[in-house]
Amino acid sequence: MADPFSAYDVLAKRDTPSWNERTRDVIDKRLALAIAENVLGDTQLATLRVIVARVCPDPPDRPATNTLAMIVRKIAEDEGDGYRPHTLPRTAECWRRGLDAIEDEARLRFNCGFASIEPDQADEILYAVESGKMCSELWGNLSPELFWKWRLLPDLVSSHWAQPSLWSAMGFGGPASPRGYVRLTENRHDPWEASEDAATNSSHALSQDHEE
């Protein structure tokens, strides 16, 4: 699918009145974040890297995200969300146990580590985590379904969609502090917001004509 906002880069607003110093500082630190060392074992990190790639792939022809680094930072700081099911361990323990169990599951099913299996095999295991149909005894009392619903998916999605690269790809104007958004009604944009490419608009119109 063509990028409908191929000419748009939310970071072009960095030095405009749309962003204040606090906003610039937060985004600059996010973009510069490196994968923290000695937080996960080599195998755990390799497993997490593949999970991120399968669940939250980077948009083509856009700058690479550092989603992986954001998740590792959350694990390193054992950062919670203020709520969780009482049977779910804290963030760091939950991720480490879940990654170990996913790695073990790959070896049980395919006699190979999770980072080395085929993409469709990785997807098979991730679907099994979501449904709770796992074989590995390493899950213990950690529910795969809860791990998926309360840890894996929320952490990946919230980290991934906090990336300027993703904001640009979906035409989101990103933070607007202190300027704010003004034109909030349907089909109206502030002058500094993204507009879809003309070719994409024409394609959408043709698709709608065919559907009618």
N, C-alpha and C. Protein backbone atom coordinates (compact mmCIF):
# COMPACT_ATOMS: atom_id res chain seq x y z
N MET A 1 0.83 -1.19 0.00
CA MET A 1 0.00 0.00 0.00
C MET A 1 0.87 1.25 0.00
N ALA A 2 0.53 2.22 -0.84
CA ALA A 2 1.30 3.44 -0.94
C ALA A 2 1.18 4.26 0.34
N ASP A 3 2.26 4.94 0.68
CA ASP A 3 2.27 5.81 1.84
C ASP A 3 1.45 7.06 1.52
N PRO A 4 0.31 7.26 2.16
CA PRO A 4 -0.54 8.41 1.81
C PRO A 4 0.03 9.75 2.24
N PHE A 5 1.06 9.72 3.08
CA PHE A 5 1.67 10.96 3.56
C PHE A 5 3.17 10.95 3.29
N SER A 6 3.55 10.50 2.11
CA SER A 6 4.96 10.28 1.80
C SER A 6 5.81 11.55 1.91
N ALA A 7 5.21 12.71 1.73
CA ALA A 7 5.96 13.95 1.77
C ALA A 7 5.96 14.60 3.15
N TYR A 8 5.30 13.95 4.10
CA TYR A 8 5.13 14.56 5.41
C TYR A 8 6.14 14.04 6.42
N ASP A 9 6.73 14.94 7.17
CA ASP A 9 7.65 14.59 8.25
C ASP A 9 7.31 15.45 9.46
N VAL A 10 6.78 14.82 10.49
CA VAL A 10 6.35 15.57 11.67
C VAL A 10 7.52 16.30 12.33
N LEU A 11 8.74 15.81 12.13
CA LEU A 11 9.90 16.45 12.76
C LEU A 11 10.23 17.79 12.13
N ALA A 12 9.62 18.09 10.99
CA ALA A 12 9.82 19.42 10.39
C ALA A 12 9.24 20.51 11.28
N LYS A 13 8.37 20.12 12.22
CA LYS A 13 7.78 21.09 13.13
C LYS A 13 8.63 21.35 14.37
N ARG A 14 9.74 20.63 14.49
CA ARG A 14 10.51 20.68 15.73
C ARG A 14 10.84 22.09 16.17
N ASP A 15 11.26 22.94 15.25
CA ASP A 15 11.71 24.29 15.61
C ASP A 15 10.69 25.37 15.27
N THR A 16 9.43 24.96 15.22
CA THR A 16 8.35 25.92 14.95
C THR A 16 7.58 26.18 16.25
N PRO A 17 6.65 27.13 16.23
CA PRO A 17 5.84 27.40 17.44
C PRO A 17 4.98 26.23 17.90
N SER A 18 4.89 25.16 17.08
CA SER A 18 4.07 24.01 17.48
C SER A 18 4.66 23.29 18.70
N TRP A 19 5.99 23.33 18.84
CA TRP A 19 6.63 22.62 19.94
C TRP A 19 7.34 23.62 20.85
N ASN A 20 7.26 23.36 22.14
CA ASN A 20 8.03 24.15 23.09
C ASN A 20 9.28 23.36 23.49
N GLU A 21 10.08 23.94 24.37
CA GLU A 21 11.34 23.30 24.74
C GLU A 21 11.14 21.95 25.41
N ARG A 22 10.11 21.85 26.24
CA ARG A 22 9.83 20.58 26.92
C ARG A 22 9.49 19.50 25.90
N THR A 23 8.66 19.83 24.91
CA THR A 23 8.31 18.85 23.88
C THR A 23 9.54 18.43 23.10
N ARG A 24 10.36 19.40 22.71
CA ARG A 24 11.58 19.07 21.97
C ARG A 24 12.49 18.16 22.79
N ASP A 25 12.62 18.42 24.06
CA ASP A 25 13.49 17.62 24.92
C ASP A 25 13.00 16.18 25.02
N VAL A 26 11.69 16.01 25.21
CA VAL A 26 11.12 14.66 25.33
C VAL A 26 11.34 13.87 24.04
N ILE A 27 11.04 14.48 22.89
CA ILE A 27 11.16 13.76 21.63
C ILE A 27 12.62 13.50 21.28
N ASP A 28 13.50 14.47 21.54
CA ASP A 28 14.92 14.26 21.26
C ASP A 28 15.49 13.09 22.05
N LYS A 29 15.12 13.00 23.32
CA LYS A 29 15.60 11.89 24.15
C LYS A 29 15.02 10.56 23.66
N ARG A 30 13.78 10.58 23.23
CA ARG A 30 13.16 9.34 22.72
C ARG A 30 13.88 8.85 21.47
N LEU A 31 14.20 9.77 20.57
CA LEU A 31 14.87 9.40 19.33
C LEU A 31 16.30 8.93 19.57
N ALA A 32 16.94 9.45 20.60
CA ALA A 32 18.33 9.10 20.88
C ALA A 32 18.48 7.88 21.77
N LEU A 33 17.39 7.33 22.24
CA LEU A 33 17.44 6.22 23.20
C LEU A 33 18.11 5.00 22.57
N ALA A 34 19.10 4.48 23.27
CA ALA A 34 19.80 3.27 22.83
C ALA A 34 19.32 2.08 23.63
N ILE A 35 19.56 0.89 23.09
CA ILE A 35 19.17 -0.34 23.80
C ILE A 35 20.09 -0.51 25.00
N ALA A 36 19.50 -0.48 26.18
CA ALA A 36 20.29 -0.60 27.41
C ALA A 36 20.94 -1.97 27.49
N GLU A 37 22.17 -1.98 27.96
CA GLU A 37 22.91 -3.23 28.09
C GLU A 37 22.65 -3.88 29.45
N ASN A 38 22.88 -5.21 29.49
CA ASN A 38 22.81 -5.98 30.73
C ASN A 38 21.43 -5.95 31.38
N VAL A 39 20.40 -5.74 30.56
CA VAL A 39 19.03 -5.79 31.06
C VAL A 39 18.43 -7.16 30.75
N LEU A 40 18.64 -7.62 29.54
CA LEU A 40 18.19 -8.94 29.10
C LEU A 40 19.38 -9.76 28.66
N GLY A 41 19.25 -11.08 28.75
CA GLY A 41 20.26 -11.96 28.19
C GLY A 41 20.24 -11.88 26.68
N ASP A 42 21.30 -12.38 26.05
CA ASP A 42 21.39 -12.32 24.59
C ASP A 42 20.20 -12.99 23.92
N THR A 43 19.82 -14.15 24.42
CA THR A 43 18.70 -14.89 23.82
C THR A 43 17.39 -14.16 24.05
N GLN A 44 17.20 -13.63 25.24
CA GLN A 44 15.98 -12.87 25.53
C GLN A 44 15.87 -11.66 24.61
N LEU A 45 16.97 -10.95 24.42
CA LEU A 45 16.95 -9.77 23.57
C LEU A 45 16.68 -10.14 22.12
N ALA A 46 17.28 -11.23 21.66
CA ALA A 46 17.05 -11.68 20.28
C ALA A 46 15.58 -12.07 20.08
N THR A 47 15.01 -12.73 21.08
CA THR A 47 13.59 -13.11 21.02
C THR A 47 12.71 -11.87 20.96
N LEU A 48 12.99 -10.90 21.83
CA LEU A 48 12.20 -9.68 21.86
C LEU A 48 12.33 -8.92 20.55
N ARG A 49 13.50 -8.91 19.96
CA ARG A 49 13.71 -8.21 18.69
C ARG A 49 12.79 -8.78 17.60
N VAL A 50 12.68 -10.09 17.55
CA VAL A 50 11.82 -10.72 16.54
C VAL A 50 10.35 -10.43 16.84
N ILE A 51 9.97 -10.47 18.10
CA ILE A 51 8.58 -10.18 18.48
C ILE A 51 8.20 -8.78 18.02
N VAL A 52 9.07 -7.82 18.27
CA VAL A 52 8.80 -6.44 17.86
C VAL A 52 8.63 -6.36 16.34
N ALA A 53 9.51 -7.04 15.62
CA ALA A 53 9.45 -7.01 14.16
C ALA A 53 8.18 -7.65 13.61
N ARG A 54 7.69 -8.69 14.28
CA ARG A 54 6.49 -9.38 13.79
C ARG A 54 5.21 -8.64 14.19
N VAL A 55 5.17 -8.08 15.39
CA VAL A 55 3.95 -7.43 15.86
C VAL A 55 3.88 -5.98 15.41
N CYS A 56 5.01 -5.29 15.41
CA CYS A 56 5.05 -3.85 15.09
C CYS A 56 6.13 -3.56 14.06
N PRO A 57 5.97 -4.00 12.83
CA PRO A 57 7.00 -3.73 11.82
C PRO A 57 7.09 -2.24 11.51
N ASP A 58 8.28 -1.79 11.20
CA ASP A 58 8.45 -0.39 10.81
C ASP A 58 7.82 -0.14 9.44
N PRO A 59 7.25 1.04 9.23
CA PRO A 59 6.68 1.36 7.92
C PRO A 59 7.79 1.46 6.88
N PRO A 60 7.55 0.97 5.67
CA PRO A 60 8.58 1.04 4.64
C PRO A 60 8.89 2.49 4.27
N ASP A 61 10.13 2.73 3.87
CA ASP A 61 10.57 4.05 3.40
C ASP A 61 10.43 5.13 4.46
N ARG A 62 10.45 4.74 5.72
CA ARG A 62 10.45 5.68 6.83
C ARG A 62 11.65 5.39 7.73
N PRO A 63 12.11 6.36 8.50
CA PRO A 63 13.23 6.08 9.41
C PRO A 63 12.89 4.95 10.37
N ALA A 64 13.87 4.14 10.68
CA ALA A 64 13.66 3.03 11.62
C ALA A 64 13.29 3.57 12.99
N THR A 65 12.44 2.84 13.68
CA THR A 65 12.04 3.23 15.03
C THR A 65 13.02 2.63 16.05
N ASN A 66 12.92 3.10 17.28
CA ASN A 66 13.68 2.47 18.36
C ASN A 66 12.71 1.89 19.40
N THR A 67 11.66 1.27 18.87
CA THR A 67 10.66 0.62 19.71
C THR A 67 11.31 -0.37 20.67
N LEU A 68 12.24 -1.15 20.15
CA LEU A 68 12.92 -2.15 20.98
C LEU A 68 13.61 -1.48 22.17
N ALA A 69 14.30 -0.39 21.93
CA ALA A 69 15.00 0.30 23.01
C ALA A 69 14.04 0.82 24.06
N MET A 70 12.87 1.28 23.65
CA MET A 70 11.88 1.78 24.61
C MET A 70 11.36 0.67 25.50
N ILE A 71 11.16 -0.51 24.93
CA ILE A 71 10.67 -1.63 25.73
C ILE A 71 11.75 -2.11 26.71
N VAL A 72 13.00 -2.18 26.23
CA VAL A 72 14.09 -2.59 27.12
C VAL A 72 14.25 -1.58 28.25
N ARG A 73 14.08 -0.30 27.96
CA ARG A 73 14.15 0.70 29.03
C ARG A 73 13.06 0.46 30.07
N LYS A 74 11.85 0.12 29.60
CA LYS A 74 10.75 -0.14 30.53
C LYS A 74 11.06 -1.35 31.41
N ILE A 75 11.66 -2.37 30.83
CA ILE A 75 12.05 -3.55 31.59
C ILE A 75 13.14 -3.18 32.59
N ALA A 76 14.11 -2.40 32.14
CA ALA A 76 15.23 -2.02 33.01
C ALA A 76 14.75 -1.26 34.24
N GLU A 77 13.75 -0.40 34.04
CA GLU A 77 13.23 0.41 35.14
C GLU A 77 12.08 -0.27 35.89
N ASP A 78 11.73 -1.48 35.42
CA ASP A 78 10.62 -2.22 36.03
C ASP A 78 9.39 -1.30 36.13
N GLU A 79 9.16 -0.58 35.05
CA GLU A 79 8.12 0.44 35.01
C GLU A 79 6.73 -0.18 34.85
N GLY A 80 5.85 0.10 35.76
CA GLY A 80 4.49 -0.39 35.69
C GLY A 80 3.56 0.63 35.06
N ASP A 81 2.29 0.29 35.02
CA ASP A 81 1.28 1.17 34.43
C ASP A 81 0.30 1.67 35.48
N GLY A 82 0.54 1.31 36.73
CA GLY A 82 -0.36 1.74 37.80
C GLY A 82 -1.45 0.73 38.10
N TYR A 83 -1.51 -0.33 37.29
CA TYR A 83 -2.54 -1.35 37.51
C TYR A 83 -2.14 -2.60 36.73
N ARG A 84 -2.54 -3.75 37.23
CA ARG A 84 -2.32 -5.01 36.55
C ARG A 84 -3.09 -6.08 37.29
N PRO A 85 -3.45 -7.20 36.62
CA PRO A 85 -4.08 -8.31 37.34
C PRO A 85 -3.18 -8.79 38.47
N HIS A 86 -3.75 -9.17 39.57
CA HIS A 86 -2.95 -9.53 40.74
C HIS A 86 -2.09 -10.77 40.50
N THR A 87 -2.46 -11.59 39.51
CA THR A 87 -1.68 -12.80 39.22
C THR A 87 -0.51 -12.52 38.28
N LEU A 88 -0.43 -11.30 37.75
CA LEU A 88 0.63 -10.97 36.80
C LEU A 88 1.82 -10.38 37.53
N PRO A 89 3.03 -10.91 37.30
CA PRO A 89 4.22 -10.36 37.97
C PRO A 89 4.49 -8.92 37.53
N ARG A 90 5.40 -8.27 38.22
CA ARG A 90 5.81 -6.94 37.82
C ARG A 90 6.46 -6.96 36.43
N THR A 91 6.62 -5.81 35.85
CA THR A 91 7.02 -5.70 34.44
C THR A 91 8.28 -6.49 34.10
N ALA A 92 9.36 -6.27 34.83
CA ALA A 92 10.63 -6.90 34.49
C ALA A 92 10.55 -8.42 34.58
N GLU A 93 10.02 -8.93 35.69
CA GLU A 93 9.89 -10.38 35.85
C GLU A 93 8.97 -10.96 34.79
N CYS A 94 7.90 -10.28 34.52
CA CYS A 94 6.91 -10.77 33.55
C CYS A 94 7.54 -10.91 32.17
N TRP A 95 8.25 -9.88 31.73
CA TRP A 95 8.88 -9.93 30.41
C TRP A 95 9.94 -11.03 30.35
N ARG A 96 10.77 -11.13 31.35
CA ARG A 96 11.85 -12.13 31.30
C ARG A 96 11.29 -13.54 31.27
N ARG A 97 10.29 -13.79 32.10
CA ARG A 97 9.68 -15.12 32.11
C ARG A 97 8.96 -15.40 30.80
N GLY A 98 8.26 -14.42 30.27
CA GLY A 98 7.55 -14.60 29.01
C GLY A 98 8.50 -14.85 27.85
N LEU A 99 9.60 -14.11 27.79
CA LEU A 99 10.57 -14.30 26.71
C LEU A 99 11.22 -15.68 26.81
N ASP A 100 11.55 -16.11 28.01
CA ASP A 100 12.14 -17.44 28.18
C ASP A 100 11.16 -18.53 27.74
N ALA A 101 9.89 -18.36 28.08
CA ALA A 101 8.89 -19.36 27.72
C ALA A 101 8.66 -19.39 26.21
N ILE A 102 8.68 -18.24 25.56
CA ILE A 102 8.51 -18.19 24.11
C ILE A 102 9.70 -18.86 23.42
N GLU A 103 10.89 -18.61 23.91
CA GLU A 103 12.07 -19.27 23.37
C GLU A 103 11.97 -20.79 23.54
N ASP A 104 11.54 -21.23 24.71
CA ASP A 104 11.40 -22.67 24.96
C ASP A 104 10.33 -23.27 24.06
N GLU A 105 9.26 -22.52 23.84
CA GLU A 105 8.18 -22.99 22.97
C GLU A 105 8.69 -23.22 21.55
N ALA A 106 9.52 -22.30 21.06
CA ALA A 106 10.07 -22.45 19.71
C ALA A 106 10.92 -23.72 19.61
N ARG A 107 11.70 -24.01 20.64
CA ARG A 107 12.55 -25.20 20.61
C ARG A 107 11.71 -26.48 20.70
N LEU A 108 10.62 -26.44 21.47
CA LEU A 108 9.75 -27.60 21.56
C LEU A 108 9.04 -27.87 20.24
N ARG A 109 8.60 -26.82 19.58
CA ARG A 109 7.81 -26.99 18.35
C ARG A 109 8.68 -27.19 17.12
N PHE A 110 9.79 -26.45 17.04
CA PHE A 110 10.57 -26.42 15.79
C PHE A 110 12.03 -26.79 15.98
N ASN A 111 12.39 -27.18 17.20
CA ASN A 111 13.77 -27.58 17.49
C ASN A 111 14.77 -26.49 17.10
N CYS A 112 14.37 -25.25 17.34
CA CYS A 112 15.20 -24.12 16.95
C CYS A 112 14.82 -22.91 17.80
N GLY A 113 15.76 -22.02 18.05
CA GLY A 113 15.47 -20.83 18.82
C GLY A 113 14.50 -19.90 18.13
N PHE A 114 13.79 -19.11 18.89
CA PHE A 114 12.76 -18.24 18.33
C PHE A 114 13.33 -17.25 17.31
N ALA A 115 14.54 -16.77 17.56
CA ALA A 115 15.13 -15.78 16.65
C ALA A 115 15.56 -16.40 15.33
N SER A 116 15.56 -17.73 15.23
CA SER A 116 16.04 -18.39 14.01
C SER A 116 14.93 -19.09 13.23
N ILE A 117 13.71 -19.14 13.75
CA ILE A 117 12.64 -19.82 13.04
C ILE A 117 12.10 -18.94 11.92
N GLU A 118 11.30 -19.53 11.05
CA GLU A 118 10.71 -18.79 9.93
C GLU A 118 9.65 -17.81 10.44
N PRO A 119 9.41 -16.74 9.69
CA PRO A 119 8.41 -15.75 10.13
C PRO A 119 7.03 -16.34 10.41
N ASP A 120 6.57 -17.27 9.56
CA ASP A 120 5.24 -17.85 9.80
C ASP A 120 5.24 -18.73 11.04
N GLN A 121 6.39 -19.33 11.37
CA GLN A 121 6.48 -20.11 12.60
C GLN A 121 6.46 -19.20 13.83
N ALA A 122 7.13 -18.05 13.72
CA ALA A 122 7.09 -17.08 14.81
C ALA A 122 5.67 -16.59 15.04
N ASP A 123 4.95 -16.35 13.94
CA ASP A 123 3.56 -15.91 14.06
C ASP A 123 2.70 -16.99 14.70
N GLU A 124 2.98 -18.23 14.36
CA GLU A 124 2.23 -19.34 14.96
C GLU A 124 2.38 -19.35 16.47
N ILE A 125 3.60 -19.13 16.93
CA ILE A 125 3.83 -19.11 18.38
C ILE A 125 3.16 -17.91 19.02
N LEU A 126 3.22 -16.77 18.37
CA LEU A 126 2.59 -15.58 18.94
C LEU A 126 1.07 -15.72 19.00
N TYR A 127 0.49 -16.34 17.99
CA TYR A 127 -0.95 -16.63 18.04
C TYR A 127 -1.26 -17.58 19.20
N ALA A 128 -0.36 -18.52 19.44
CA ALA A 128 -0.56 -19.47 20.53
C ALA A 128 -0.46 -18.77 21.89
N VAL A 129 0.43 -17.80 22.00
CA VAL A 129 0.51 -17.03 23.25
C VAL A 129 -0.81 -16.31 23.48
N GLU A 130 -1.32 -15.68 22.44
CA GLU A 130 -2.57 -14.93 22.56
C GLU A 130 -3.72 -15.82 23.01
N SER A 131 -3.76 -17.03 22.49
CA SER A 131 -4.87 -17.94 22.80
C SER A 131 -4.59 -18.81 24.03
N GLY A 132 -3.36 -18.78 24.51
CA GLY A 132 -3.01 -19.59 25.68
C GLY A 132 -2.71 -21.03 25.37
N LYS A 133 -2.56 -21.37 24.10
CA LYS A 133 -2.33 -22.77 23.70
C LYS A 133 -0.83 -23.04 23.60
N MET A 134 -0.17 -23.02 24.75
CA MET A 134 1.27 -23.19 24.81
C MET A 134 1.63 -24.51 25.49
N CYS A 135 2.81 -25.01 25.14
CA CYS A 135 3.27 -26.29 25.68
C CYS A 135 4.36 -26.14 26.73
N SER A 136 5.14 -25.09 26.66
CA SER A 136 6.30 -24.95 27.53
C SER A 136 5.91 -24.88 29.00
N GLU A 137 6.64 -25.63 29.81
CA GLU A 137 6.41 -25.61 31.26
C GLU A 137 7.00 -24.36 31.91
N LEU A 138 7.78 -23.60 31.16
CA LEU A 138 8.39 -22.40 31.72
C LEU A 138 7.37 -21.30 32.00
N TRP A 139 6.18 -21.43 31.45
CA TRP A 139 5.15 -20.45 31.79
C TRP A 139 4.79 -20.53 33.26
N GLY A 140 4.85 -21.74 33.83
CA GLY A 140 4.51 -21.90 35.24
C GLY A 140 3.15 -21.31 35.54
N ASN A 141 3.08 -20.42 36.52
CA ASN A 141 1.81 -19.80 36.88
C ASN A 141 1.57 -18.48 36.16
N LEU A 142 2.41 -18.19 35.17
CA LEU A 142 2.21 -17.00 34.34
C LEU A 142 1.30 -17.35 33.18
N SER A 143 0.13 -16.74 33.13
CA SER A 143 -0.83 -17.02 32.08
C SER A 143 -0.36 -16.40 30.76
N PRO A 144 -0.20 -17.21 29.70
CA PRO A 144 0.18 -16.64 28.40
C PRO A 144 -0.81 -15.58 27.92
N GLU A 145 -2.10 -15.84 28.14
CA GLU A 145 -3.11 -14.87 27.69
C GLU A 145 -2.96 -13.53 28.40
N LEU A 146 -2.71 -13.59 29.71
CA LEU A 146 -2.52 -12.34 30.45
C LEU A 146 -1.23 -11.65 30.03
N PHE A 147 -0.19 -12.44 29.81
CA PHE A 147 1.07 -11.86 29.34
C PHE A 147 0.85 -11.13 28.03
N TRP A 148 0.12 -11.72 27.11
CA TRP A 148 -0.17 -11.10 25.81
C TRP A 148 -1.02 -9.84 25.99
N LYS A 149 -2.10 -9.97 26.74
CA LYS A 149 -3.09 -8.88 26.82
C LYS A 149 -2.62 -7.72 27.68
N TRP A 150 -1.88 -8.00 28.74
CA TRP A 150 -1.54 -6.96 29.70
C TRP A 150 -0.08 -6.51 29.63
N ARG A 151 0.78 -7.26 28.95
CA ARG A 151 2.19 -6.89 28.92
C ARG A 151 2.71 -6.76 27.50
N LEU A 152 2.70 -7.87 26.76
CA LEU A 152 3.34 -7.86 25.44
C LEU A 152 2.68 -6.85 24.51
N LEU A 153 1.40 -6.99 24.28
CA LEU A 153 0.74 -6.13 23.29
C LEU A 153 0.70 -4.66 23.71
N PRO A 154 0.28 -4.33 24.93
CA PRO A 154 0.26 -2.91 25.31
C PRO A 154 1.64 -2.26 25.28
N ASP A 155 2.66 -2.97 25.75
CA ASP A 155 4.00 -2.37 25.77
C ASP A 155 4.51 -2.13 24.35
N LEU A 156 4.29 -3.09 23.46
CA LEU A 156 4.75 -2.93 22.09
C LEU A 156 4.01 -1.79 21.39
N VAL A 157 2.70 -1.80 21.48
CA VAL A 157 1.91 -0.81 20.74
C VAL A 157 2.17 0.61 21.27
N SER A 158 2.19 0.76 22.60
CA SER A 158 2.39 2.10 23.16
C SER A 158 3.79 2.63 22.84
N SER A 159 4.79 1.76 22.81
CA SER A 159 6.14 2.19 22.47
C SER A 159 6.26 2.51 20.99
N HIS A 160 5.68 1.66 20.16
CA HIS A 160 5.81 1.81 18.71
C HIS A 160 5.13 3.08 18.21
N TRP A 161 3.92 3.31 18.69
CA TRP A 161 3.16 4.45 18.18
C TRP A 161 3.51 5.75 18.89
N ALA A 162 4.53 5.71 19.74
CA ALA A 162 5.08 6.94 20.31
C ALA A 162 6.24 7.45 19.48
N GLN A 163 6.45 6.88 18.30
CA GLN A 163 7.58 7.21 17.46
C GLN A 163 7.21 8.24 16.39
N PRO A 164 8.01 9.28 16.21
CA PRO A 164 7.74 10.25 15.15
C PRO A 164 7.63 9.62 13.76
N SER A 165 8.40 8.57 13.51
CA SER A 165 8.33 7.90 12.21
C SER A 165 6.92 7.39 11.93
N LEU A 166 6.25 6.85 12.96
CA LEU A 166 4.89 6.36 12.82
C LEU A 166 3.90 7.51 12.72
N TRP A 167 4.15 8.59 13.47
CA TRP A 167 3.27 9.76 13.37
C TRP A 167 3.25 10.28 11.94
N SER A 168 4.44 10.37 11.34
CA SER A 168 4.52 10.86 9.96
C SER A 168 3.78 9.93 9.00
N ALA A 169 3.95 8.61 9.20
CA ALA A 169 3.36 7.64 8.29
C ALA A 169 1.84 7.68 8.31
N MET A 170 1.24 8.04 9.46
CA MET A 170 -0.23 8.08 9.51
C MET A 170 -0.77 9.51 9.46
N GLY A 171 0.14 10.47 9.22
CA GLY A 171 -0.32 11.84 9.07
C GLY A 171 -0.69 12.53 10.35
N PHE A 172 -0.22 12.00 11.48
CA PHE A 172 -0.54 12.59 12.78
C PHE A 172 0.38 13.78 13.04
N GLY A 173 -0.18 14.87 13.50
CA GLY A 173 0.61 16.07 13.73
C GLY A 173 1.49 16.03 14.95
N GLY A 174 1.36 14.97 15.75
CA GLY A 174 2.20 14.84 16.93
C GLY A 174 1.84 15.85 18.00
N PRO A 175 2.73 16.06 18.95
CA PRO A 175 2.46 17.01 20.02
C PRO A 175 2.22 18.40 19.44
N ALA A 176 1.36 19.16 20.06
CA ALA A 176 1.10 20.53 19.63
C ALA A 176 1.14 21.42 20.86
N SER A 177 2.28 21.41 21.50
CA SER A 177 2.44 22.18 22.73
C SER A 177 3.52 23.24 22.51
N PRO A 178 3.14 24.51 22.60
CA PRO A 178 1.92 25.06 23.22
C PRO A 178 0.83 25.47 22.24
N ARG A 179 1.06 25.28 20.93
CA ARG A 179 0.12 25.84 19.95
C ARG A 179 -1.27 25.24 20.07
N GLY A 180 -1.35 23.91 20.16
CA GLY A 180 -2.65 23.25 20.24
C GLY A 180 -3.31 23.10 18.88
N TYR A 181 -4.33 22.24 18.84
CA TYR A 181 -5.12 22.06 17.63
C TYR A 181 -6.32 23.00 17.68
N VAL A 182 -6.69 23.57 16.54
CA VAL A 182 -7.78 24.54 16.48
C VAL A 182 -8.93 24.03 15.64
N ARG A 183 -8.62 23.55 14.45
CA ARG A 183 -9.67 23.11 13.53
C ARG A 183 -10.01 21.65 13.82
N LEU A 184 -10.97 21.44 14.67
CA LEU A 184 -11.27 20.10 15.18
C LEU A 184 -12.46 19.45 14.50
N THR A 185 -13.11 20.13 13.57
CA THR A 185 -14.28 19.54 12.91
C THR A 185 -13.84 18.58 11.81
N GLU A 186 -14.77 17.77 11.35
CA GLU A 186 -14.47 16.73 10.37
C GLU A 186 -13.92 17.33 9.07
N ASN A 187 -12.86 16.68 8.56
CA ASN A 187 -12.26 17.03 7.27
C ASN A 187 -11.63 18.43 7.25
N ARG A 188 -11.31 18.97 8.41
CA ARG A 188 -10.61 20.24 8.45
C ARG A 188 -9.25 20.04 9.12
N HIS A 189 -8.26 20.71 8.60
CA HIS A 189 -6.91 20.56 9.11
C HIS A 189 -6.33 21.93 9.45
N ASP A 190 -5.53 21.94 10.48
CA ASP A 190 -4.73 23.13 10.72
C ASP A 190 -3.66 23.22 9.63
N PRO A 191 -3.20 24.43 9.31
CA PRO A 191 -2.27 24.59 8.18
C PRO A 191 -0.99 23.75 8.31
N TRP A 192 -0.58 23.44 9.53
CA TRP A 192 0.67 22.71 9.72
C TRP A 192 0.46 21.20 9.82
N GLU A 193 -0.78 20.72 9.64
CA GLU A 193 -1.04 19.28 9.67
C GLU A 193 -0.78 18.65 8.31
N ALA A 194 -0.72 17.31 8.31
CA ALA A 194 -0.44 16.57 7.07
C ALA A 194 -1.65 16.54 6.16
N SER A 195 -1.38 16.48 4.87
CA SER A 195 -2.42 16.29 3.86
C SER A 195 -2.05 15.07 3.04
N GLU A 196 -3.04 14.27 2.69
CA GLU A 196 -2.77 13.09 1.88
C GLU A 196 -2.26 13.47 0.51
N ASP A 197 -1.38 12.63 -0.05
CA ASP A 197 -0.89 12.86 -1.40
C ASP A 197 -2.04 12.87 -2.39
N ALA A 198 -1.95 13.68 -3.41
CA ALA A 198 -3.00 13.78 -4.41
C ALA A 198 -3.27 12.44 -5.07
N ALA A 199 -2.21 11.68 -5.35
CA ALA A 199 -2.38 10.38 -6.01
C ALA A 199 -3.15 9.42 -5.12
N THR A 200 -2.89 9.49 -3.81
CA THR A 200 -3.60 8.61 -2.88
C THR A 200 -5.06 8.99 -2.79
N ASN A 201 -5.34 10.30 -2.76
CA ASN A 201 -6.72 10.76 -2.73
C ASN A 201 -7.48 10.28 -3.96
N SER A 202 -6.83 10.38 -5.14
CA SER A 202 -7.48 9.93 -6.37
C SER A 202 -7.75 8.44 -6.33
N SER A 203 -6.79 7.68 -5.78
CA SER A 203 -6.95 6.24 -5.67
C SER A 203 -8.11 5.89 -4.76
N HIS A 204 -8.24 6.61 -3.63
CA HIS A 204 -9.34 6.37 -2.71
C HIS A 204 -10.67 6.68 -3.39
N ALA A 205 -10.70 7.77 -4.16
CA ALA A 205 -11.95 8.13 -4.82
C ALA A 205 -12.37 7.08 -5.83
N LEU A 206 -11.39 6.54 -6.58
CA LEU A 206 -11.70 5.50 -7.55
C LEU A 206 -12.22 4.25 -6.87
N SER A 207 -11.60 3.91 -5.74
CA SER A 207 -12.05 2.72 -4.99
C SER A 207 -13.48 2.89 -4.52
N GLN A 208 -13.82 4.08 -4.04
CA GLN A 208 -15.18 4.32 -3.59
C GLN A 208 -16.17 4.25 -4.74
N ASP A 209 -15.76 4.77 -5.92
CA ASP A 209 -16.64 4.71 -7.09
C ASP A 209 -16.93 3.28 -7.46
N HIS A 210 -15.89 2.43 -7.44
CA HIS A 210 -16.09 1.02 -7.78
C HIS A 210 -17.00 0.33 -6.77
N GLU A 211 -16.84 0.68 -5.50
CA GLU A 211 -17.67 0.05 -4.46
C GLU A 211 -19.13 0.44 -4.63
N GLU A 212 -19.38 1.69 -5.08
CA GLU A 212 -20.76 2.14 -5.25
C GLU A 212 -21.38 1.50 -6.49
